[in-house]
Structure formats: C-alpha cells, structure tokens
C-alpha cells in the first residue's frame, strides 16, 4: 500500500504543480490598459520633472531648494 501511494504522488504531484503554475501565469498578466496607464503616468511625471528642472525648482535630497 505504501509503495502505491508514492507512485500516485509521483505522477499526480507534478501534474498538480504544472496546473498551478499555468493558472498563476495566466491570472498574473497585466491588462493592456494597465500597462498603457502606467506608461502614460511615467511620461507625465518625467515631463513635470523636466519643467521643474528648467524652471529652477529642483530640490536637494533634504527637501530644500537648491541655491
């Protein structure tokens, strides 16, 4: 009986693991809209930082304006 249990686990275990990995991979994908929204927000942030740099409004690491 003990030997047959190991045989079943040896066959069923990898199958369950493959199914779990496949399910996680399929359900972990980002939607296209989410990626585009993130890219757009990053682009806006870079533009805002560029405008601040050109206006001389950049701050040092301690939060104080550069002199």
PDB file of N, CA and C in Angstrom:
ATOM      1  N   UNK A   1       0.822  -1.190   0.000  1.00  0.00           N
ATOM      2  CA  UNK A   1       0.000   0.000   0.000  1.00  0.00           C
ATOM      3  C   UNK A   1       0.870   1.259   0.000  1.00  0.00           C
ATOM      4  N   UNK A   2       1.932   1.286   0.794  1.00  0.00           N
ATOM      5  CA  UNK A   2       2.815   2.442   0.876  1.00  0.00           C
ATOM      6  C   UNK A   2       3.496   2.735  -0.443  1.00  0.00           C
ATOM      7  N   UNK A   3       3.882   1.698  -1.156  1.00  0.00           N
ATOM      8  CA  UNK A   3       4.560   1.876  -2.429  1.00  0.00           C
ATOM      9  C   UNK A   3       3.621   2.470  -3.478  1.00  0.00           C
ATOM     10  N   UNK A   4       2.370   2.043  -3.484  1.00  0.00           N
ATOM     11  CA  UNK A   4       1.429   2.569  -4.475  1.00  0.00           C
ATOM     12  C   UNK A   4       1.095   4.037  -4.194  1.00  0.00           C
ATOM     13  N   UNK A   5       1.102   4.446  -2.926  1.00  0.00           N
ATOM     14  CA  UNK A   5       0.844   5.846  -2.593  1.00  0.00           C
ATOM     15  C   UNK A   5       1.954   6.731  -3.167  1.00  0.00           C
ATOM     16  N   UNK A   6       3.213   6.288  -3.058  1.00  0.00           N
ATOM     17  CA  UNK A   6       4.309   7.062  -3.620  1.00  0.00           C
ATOM     18  C   UNK A   6       4.229   7.122  -5.140  1.00  0.00           C
ATOM     19  N   UNK A   7       3.807   6.041  -5.753  1.00  0.00           N
ATOM     20  CA  UNK A   7       3.667   6.038  -7.207  1.00  0.00           C
ATOM     21  C   UNK A   7       2.604   7.051  -7.645  1.00  0.00           C
ATOM     22  N   UNK A   8       1.507   7.098  -6.933  1.00  0.00           N
ATOM     23  CA  UNK A   8       0.435   8.049  -7.261  1.00  0.00           C
ATOM     24  C   UNK A   8       0.928   9.477  -7.054  1.00  0.00           C
ATOM     25  N   UNK A   9       1.603   9.724  -5.928  1.00  0.00           N
ATOM     26  CA  UNK A   9       2.122  11.068  -5.661  1.00  0.00           C
ATOM     27  C   UNK A   9       3.173  11.493  -6.683  1.00  0.00           C
ATOM     28  N   UNK A  10       3.970  10.536  -7.139  1.00  0.00           N
ATOM     29  CA  UNK A  10       4.991  10.834  -8.133  1.00  0.00           C
ATOM     30  C   UNK A  10       4.372  11.249  -9.464  1.00  0.00           C
ATOM     31  N   UNK A  11       3.211  10.712  -9.779  1.00  0.00           N
ATOM     32  CA  UNK A  11       2.530  11.048 -11.028  1.00  0.00           C
ATOM     33  C   UNK A  11       1.638  12.275 -10.850  1.00  0.00           C
ATOM     34  N   UNK A  12       0.848  12.305  -9.801  1.00  0.00           N
ATOM     35  CA  UNK A  12      -0.127  13.377  -9.607  1.00  0.00           C
ATOM     36  C   UNK A  12       0.552  14.678  -9.158  1.00  0.00           C
ATOM     37  N   UNK A  13       1.587  14.590  -8.351  1.00  0.00           N
ATOM     38  CA  UNK A  13       2.253  15.785  -7.836  1.00  0.00           C
ATOM     39  C   UNK A  13       2.736  16.734  -8.921  1.00  0.00           C
ATOM     40  N   UNK A  14       3.524  16.265  -9.887  1.00  0.00           N
ATOM     41  CA  UNK A  14       3.975  17.159 -10.955  1.00  0.00           C
ATOM     42  C   UNK A  14       2.827  17.709 -11.800  1.00  0.00           C
ATOM     43  N   UNK A  15       1.783  16.915 -11.999  1.00  0.00           N
ATOM     44  CA  UNK A  15       0.628  17.389 -12.769  1.00  0.00           C
ATOM     45  C   UNK A  15      -0.039  18.553 -12.032  1.00  0.00           C
ATOM     46  N   UNK A  16      -0.236  18.386 -10.734  1.00  0.00           N
ATOM     47  CA  UNK A  16      -0.838  19.459  -9.943  1.00  0.00           C
ATOM     48  C   UNK A  16       0.055  20.697  -9.961  1.00  0.00           C
ATOM     49  N   UNK A  17       1.362  20.513  -9.871  1.00  0.00           N
ATOM     50  CA  UNK A  17       2.295  21.630  -9.897  1.00  0.00           C
ATOM     51  C   UNK A  17       2.237  22.376 -11.230  1.00  0.00           C
ATOM     52  N   UNK A  18       2.200  21.641 -12.325  1.00  0.00           N
ATOM     53  CA  UNK A  18       2.118  22.260 -13.651  1.00  0.00           C
ATOM     54  C   UNK A  18       0.824  23.040 -13.801  1.00  0.00           C
ATOM     55  N   UNK A  19      -0.283  22.466 -13.347  1.00  0.00           N
ATOM     56  CA  UNK A  19      -1.575  23.151 -13.431  1.00  0.00           C
ATOM     57  C   UNK A  19      -1.549  24.428 -12.584  1.00  0.00           C
ATOM     58  N   UNK A  20      -0.978  24.371 -11.396  1.00  0.00           N
ATOM     59  CA  UNK A  20      -0.911  25.546 -10.525  1.00  0.00           C
ATOM     60  C   UNK A  20      -0.051  26.650 -11.139  1.00  0.00           C
ATOM     61  N   UNK A  21       1.086  26.284 -11.716  1.00  0.00           N
ATOM     62  CA  UNK A  21       1.956  27.278 -12.356  1.00  0.00           C
ATOM     63  C   UNK A  21       1.271  27.889 -13.569  1.00  0.00           C
ATOM     64  N   UNK A  22       0.613  27.074 -14.387  1.00  0.00           N
ATOM     65  CA  UNK A  22      -0.095  27.589 -15.561  1.00  0.00           C
ATOM     66  C   UNK A  22      -1.215  28.540 -15.157  1.00  0.00           C
ATOM     67  N   UNK A  23      -1.978  28.157 -14.128  1.00  0.00           N
ATOM     68  CA  UNK A  23      -3.068  29.013 -13.662  1.00  0.00           C
ATOM     69  C   UNK A  23      -2.522  30.352 -13.167  1.00  0.00           C
ATOM     70  N   UNK A  24      -1.442  30.326 -12.393  1.00  0.00           N
ATOM     71  CA  UNK A  24      -0.856  31.555 -11.863  1.00  0.00           C
ATOM     72  C   UNK A  24      -0.330  32.440 -12.990  1.00  0.00           C
ATOM     73  N   UNK A  25       0.297  31.841 -13.983  1.00  0.00           N
ATOM     74  CA  UNK A  25       0.833  32.614 -15.099  1.00  0.00           C
ATOM     75  C   UNK A  25      -0.284  33.278 -15.890  1.00  0.00           C
ATOM     76  N   UNK A  26      -1.371  32.576 -16.102  1.00  0.00           N
ATOM     77  CA  UNK A  26      -2.478  33.146 -16.867  1.00  0.00           C
ATOM     78  C   UNK A  26      -3.221  34.233 -16.094  1.00  0.00           C
ATOM     79  N   UNK A  27      -3.288  34.118 -14.795  1.00  0.00           N
ATOM     80  CA  UNK A  27      -4.031  35.089 -13.996  1.00  0.00           C
ATOM     81  C   UNK A  27      -3.161  36.229 -13.477  1.00  0.00           C
ATOM     82  N   UNK A  28      -1.886  36.214 -13.765  1.00  0.00           N
ATOM     83  CA  UNK A  28      -0.978  37.238 -13.269  1.00  0.00           C
ATOM     84  C   UNK A  28      -0.620  38.255 -14.346  1.00  0.00           C
ATOM     85  N   UNK A  29      -1.167  38.117 -15.511  1.00  0.00           N
ATOM     86  CA  UNK A  29      -0.843  39.037 -16.600  1.00  0.00           C
ATOM     87  C   UNK A  29      -1.545  40.369 -16.386  1.00  0.00           C
ATOM     88  N   UNK A  30      -0.838  41.457 -16.717  1.00  0.00           N
ATOM     89  CA  UNK A  30      -1.442  42.779 -16.614  1.00  0.00           C
ATOM     90  C   UNK A  30      -2.275  43.038 -17.853  1.00  0.00           C
ATOM     91  N   UNK A  31      -3.326  43.779 -17.667  1.00  0.00           N
ATOM     92  CA  UNK A  31      -4.144  44.145 -18.811  1.00  0.00           C
ATOM     93  C   UNK A  31      -3.407  45.186 -19.649  1.00  0.00           C
ATOM     94  N   UNK A  32      -3.745  45.259 -20.904  1.00  0.00           N
ATOM     95  CA  UNK A  32      -3.095  46.216 -21.800  1.00  0.00           C
ATOM     96  C   UNK A  32      -3.350  47.647 -21.322  1.00  0.00           C
ATOM     97  N   UNK A  33      -4.544  47.909 -20.843  1.00  0.00           N
ATOM     98  CA  UNK A  33      -4.863  49.242 -20.344  1.00  0.00           C
ATOM     99  C   UNK A  33      -4.038  49.615 -19.139  1.00  0.00           C
ATOM    100  N   UNK A  34      -3.746  48.656 -18.285  1.00  0.00           N
ATOM    101  CA  UNK A  34      -2.936  48.920 -17.106  1.00  0.00           C
ATOM    102  C   UNK A  34      -1.521  49.316 -17.468  1.00  0.00           C
ATOM    103  N   UNK A  35      -0.956  48.642 -18.450  1.00  0.00           N
ATOM    104  CA  UNK A  35       0.402  48.959 -18.895  1.00  0.00           C
ATOM    105  C   UNK A  35       0.430  50.340 -19.539  1.00  0.00           C
ATOM    106  N   UNK A  36      -0.564  50.629 -20.384  1.00  0.00           N
ATOM    107  CA  UNK A  36      -0.609  51.937 -21.035  1.00  0.00           C
ATOM    108  C   UNK A  36      -0.800  53.052 -20.018  1.00  0.00           C
ATOM    109  N   UNK A  37      -1.624  52.818 -19.013  1.00  0.00           N
ATOM    110  CA  UNK A  37      -1.852  53.819 -17.973  1.00  0.00           C
ATOM    111  C   UNK A  37      -0.555  54.085 -17.206  1.00  0.00           C
ATOM    112  N   UNK A  38       0.189  53.043 -16.909  1.00  0.00           N
ATOM    113  CA  UNK A  38       1.457  53.201 -16.193  1.00  0.00           C
ATOM    114  C   UNK A  38       2.467  53.958 -17.044  1.00  0.00           C
ATOM    115  N   UNK A  39       2.565  53.615 -18.311  1.00  0.00           N
ATOM    116  CA  UNK A  39       3.490  54.305 -19.208  1.00  0.00           C
ATOM    117  C   UNK A  39       3.133  55.781 -19.330  1.00  0.00           C
ATOM    118  N   UNK A  40       1.848  56.080 -19.449  1.00  0.00           N
ATOM    119  CA  UNK A  40       1.391  57.466 -19.576  1.00  0.00           C
ATOM    120  C   UNK A  40       1.720  58.254 -18.302  1.00  0.00           C
ATOM    121  N   UNK A  41       1.477  57.659 -17.148  1.00  0.00           N
ATOM    122  CA  UNK A  41       1.769  58.325 -15.874  1.00  0.00           C
ATOM    123  C   UNK A  41       3.264  58.580 -15.718  1.00  0.00           C
ATOM    124  N   UNK A  42       4.085  57.633 -16.143  1.00  0.00           N
ATOM    125  CA  UNK A  42       5.535  57.817 -16.072  1.00  0.00           C
ATOM    126  C   UNK A  42       5.972  58.951 -16.987  1.00  0.00           C
ATOM    127  N   UNK A  43       5.416  58.984 -18.199  1.00  0.00           N
ATOM    128  CA  UNK A  43       5.743  60.051 -19.149  1.00  0.00           C
ATOM    129  C   UNK A  43       5.348  61.414 -18.569  1.00  0.00           C
ATOM    130  N   UNK A  44       4.164  61.508 -17.969  1.00  0.00           N
ATOM    131  CA  UNK A  44       3.717  62.766 -17.355  1.00  0.00           C
ATOM    132  C   UNK A  44       4.643  63.187 -16.218  1.00  0.00           C
ATOM    133  N   UNK A  45       5.051  62.224 -15.410  1.00  0.00           N
ATOM    134  CA  UNK A  45       5.949  62.519 -14.290  1.00  0.00           C
ATOM    135  C   UNK A  45       7.290  63.046 -14.793  1.00  0.00           C
ATOM    136  N   UNK A  46       7.813  62.439 -15.849  1.00  0.00           N
ATOM    137  CA  UNK A  46       9.076  62.905 -16.418  1.00  0.00           C
ATOM    138  C   UNK A  46       8.933  64.325 -16.980  1.00  0.00           C
ATOM    139  N   UNK A  47       7.813  64.596 -17.641  1.00  0.00           N
ATOM    140  CA  UNK A  47       7.593  65.938 -18.177  1.00  0.00           C
ATOM    141  C   UNK A  47       7.499  66.965 -17.057  1.00  0.00           C
ATOM    142  N   UNK A  48       6.793  66.618 -15.994  1.00  0.00           N
ATOM    143  CA  UNK A  48       6.663  67.522 -14.852  1.00  0.00           C
ATOM    144  C   UNK A  48       8.032  67.802 -14.224  1.00  0.00           C
ATOM    145  N   UNK A  49       8.842  66.764 -14.083  1.00  0.00           N
ATOM    146  CA  UNK A  49      10.176  66.936 -13.520  1.00  0.00           C
ATOM    147  C   UNK A  49      11.045  67.782 -14.440  1.00  0.00           C
ATOM    148  N   UNK A  50      10.916  67.587 -15.746  1.00  0.00           N
ATOM    149  CA  UNK A  50      11.693  68.368 -16.700  1.00  0.00           C
ATOM    150  C   UNK A  50      11.309  69.843 -16.622  1.00  0.00           C
ATOM    151  N   UNK A  51      10.011  70.128 -16.536  1.00  0.00           N
ATOM    152  CA  UNK A  51       9.564  71.523 -16.407  1.00  0.00           C
ATOM    153  C   UNK A  51      10.106  72.139 -15.111  1.00  0.00           C
ATOM    154  N   UNK A  52      10.078  71.385 -14.027  1.00  0.00           N
ATOM    155  CA  UNK A  52      10.587  71.891 -12.749  1.00  0.00           C
ATOM    156  C   UNK A  52      12.093  72.147 -12.838  1.00  0.00           C
ATOM    157  N   UNK A  53      12.817  71.262 -13.517  1.00  0.00           N
ATOM    158  CA  UNK A  53      14.261  71.447 -13.671  1.00  0.00           C
ATOM    159  C   UNK A  53      14.562  72.715 -14.464  1.00  0.00           C
ATOM    160  N   UNK A  54      13.821  72.934 -15.535  1.00  0.00           N
ATOM    161  CA  UNK A  54      14.045  74.107 -16.376  1.00  0.00           C
ATOM    162  C   UNK A  54      13.667  75.389 -15.655  1.00  0.00           C
ATOM    163  N   UNK A  55      12.703  75.314 -14.755  1.00  0.00           N
ATOM    164  CA  UNK A  55      12.278  76.496 -14.004  1.00  0.00           C
ATOM    165  C   UNK A  55      13.158  76.737 -12.784  1.00  0.00           C
ATOM    166  N   UNK A  56      14.090  75.862 -12.509  1.00  0.00           N
ATOM    167  CA  UNK A  56      14.980  76.016 -11.368  1.00  0.00           C
ATOM    168  C   UNK A  56      14.323  75.670 -10.055  1.00  0.00           C
ATOM    169  N   UNK A  57      13.323  74.833 -10.101  1.00  0.00           N
ATOM    170  CA  UNK A  57      12.583  74.478  -8.892  1.00  0.00           C
ATOM    171  C   UNK A  57      13.011  73.140  -8.312  1.00  0.00           C
ATOM    172  N   UNK A  58      14.098  72.592  -8.770  1.00  0.00           N
ATOM    173  CA  UNK A  58      14.508  71.293  -8.244  1.00  0.00           C
ATOM    174  C   UNK A  58      14.942  71.433  -6.805  1.00  0.00           C
ATOM    175  N   UNK A  59      14.772  70.397  -6.054  1.00  0.00           N
ATOM    176  CA  UNK A  59      15.105  70.409  -4.629  1.00  0.00           C
ATOM    177  C   UNK A  59      16.224  69.432  -4.374  1.00  0.00           C
ATOM    178  N   UNK A  60      16.987  69.701  -3.329  1.00  0.00           N
ATOM    179  CA  UNK A  60      18.038  68.789  -2.924  1.00  0.00           C
ATOM    180  C   UNK A  60      17.396  67.607  -2.197  1.00  0.00           C
ATOM    181  N   UNK A  61      18.224  66.633  -1.853  1.00  0.00           N
ATOM    182  CA  UNK A  61      17.738  65.449  -1.175  1.00  0.00           C
ATOM    183  C   UNK A  61      17.082  65.762   0.164  1.00  0.00           C
ATOM    184  N   UNK A  62      17.486  66.875   0.802  1.00  0.00           N
ATOM    185  CA  UNK A  62      16.915  67.202   2.109  1.00  0.00           C
ATOM    186  C   UNK A  62      15.606  67.976   1.991  1.00  0.00           C
ATOM    187  N   UNK A  63      15.125  68.190   0.768  1.00  0.00           N
ATOM    188  CA  UNK A  63      13.842  68.855   0.573  1.00  0.00           C
ATOM    189  C   UNK A  63      13.943  70.364   0.438  1.00  0.00           C
ATOM    190  N   UNK A  64      15.148  70.920   0.571  1.00  0.00           N
ATOM    191  CA  UNK A  64      15.341  72.359   0.467  1.00  0.00           C
ATOM    192  C   UNK A  64      15.682  72.725  -0.970  1.00  0.00           C
ATOM    193  N   UNK A  65      15.182  73.891  -1.438  1.00  0.00           N
ATOM    194  CA  UNK A  65      15.530  74.304  -2.805  1.00  0.00           C
ATOM    195  C   UNK A  65      17.025  74.513  -2.936  1.00  0.00           C
ATOM    196  N   UNK A  66      17.538  74.205  -4.133  1.00  0.00           N
ATOM    197  CA  UNK A  66      18.962  74.414  -4.385  1.00  0.00           C
ATOM    198  C   UNK A  66      19.242  75.911  -4.456  1.00  0.00           C
ATOM    199  N   UNK A  67      20.435  76.282  -4.025  1.00  0.00           N
ATOM    200  CA  UNK A  67      20.809  77.693  -4.057  1.00  0.00           C
ATOM    201  C   UNK A  67      21.871  77.951  -5.077  1.00  0.00           C
TER     202      UNK A  67
END
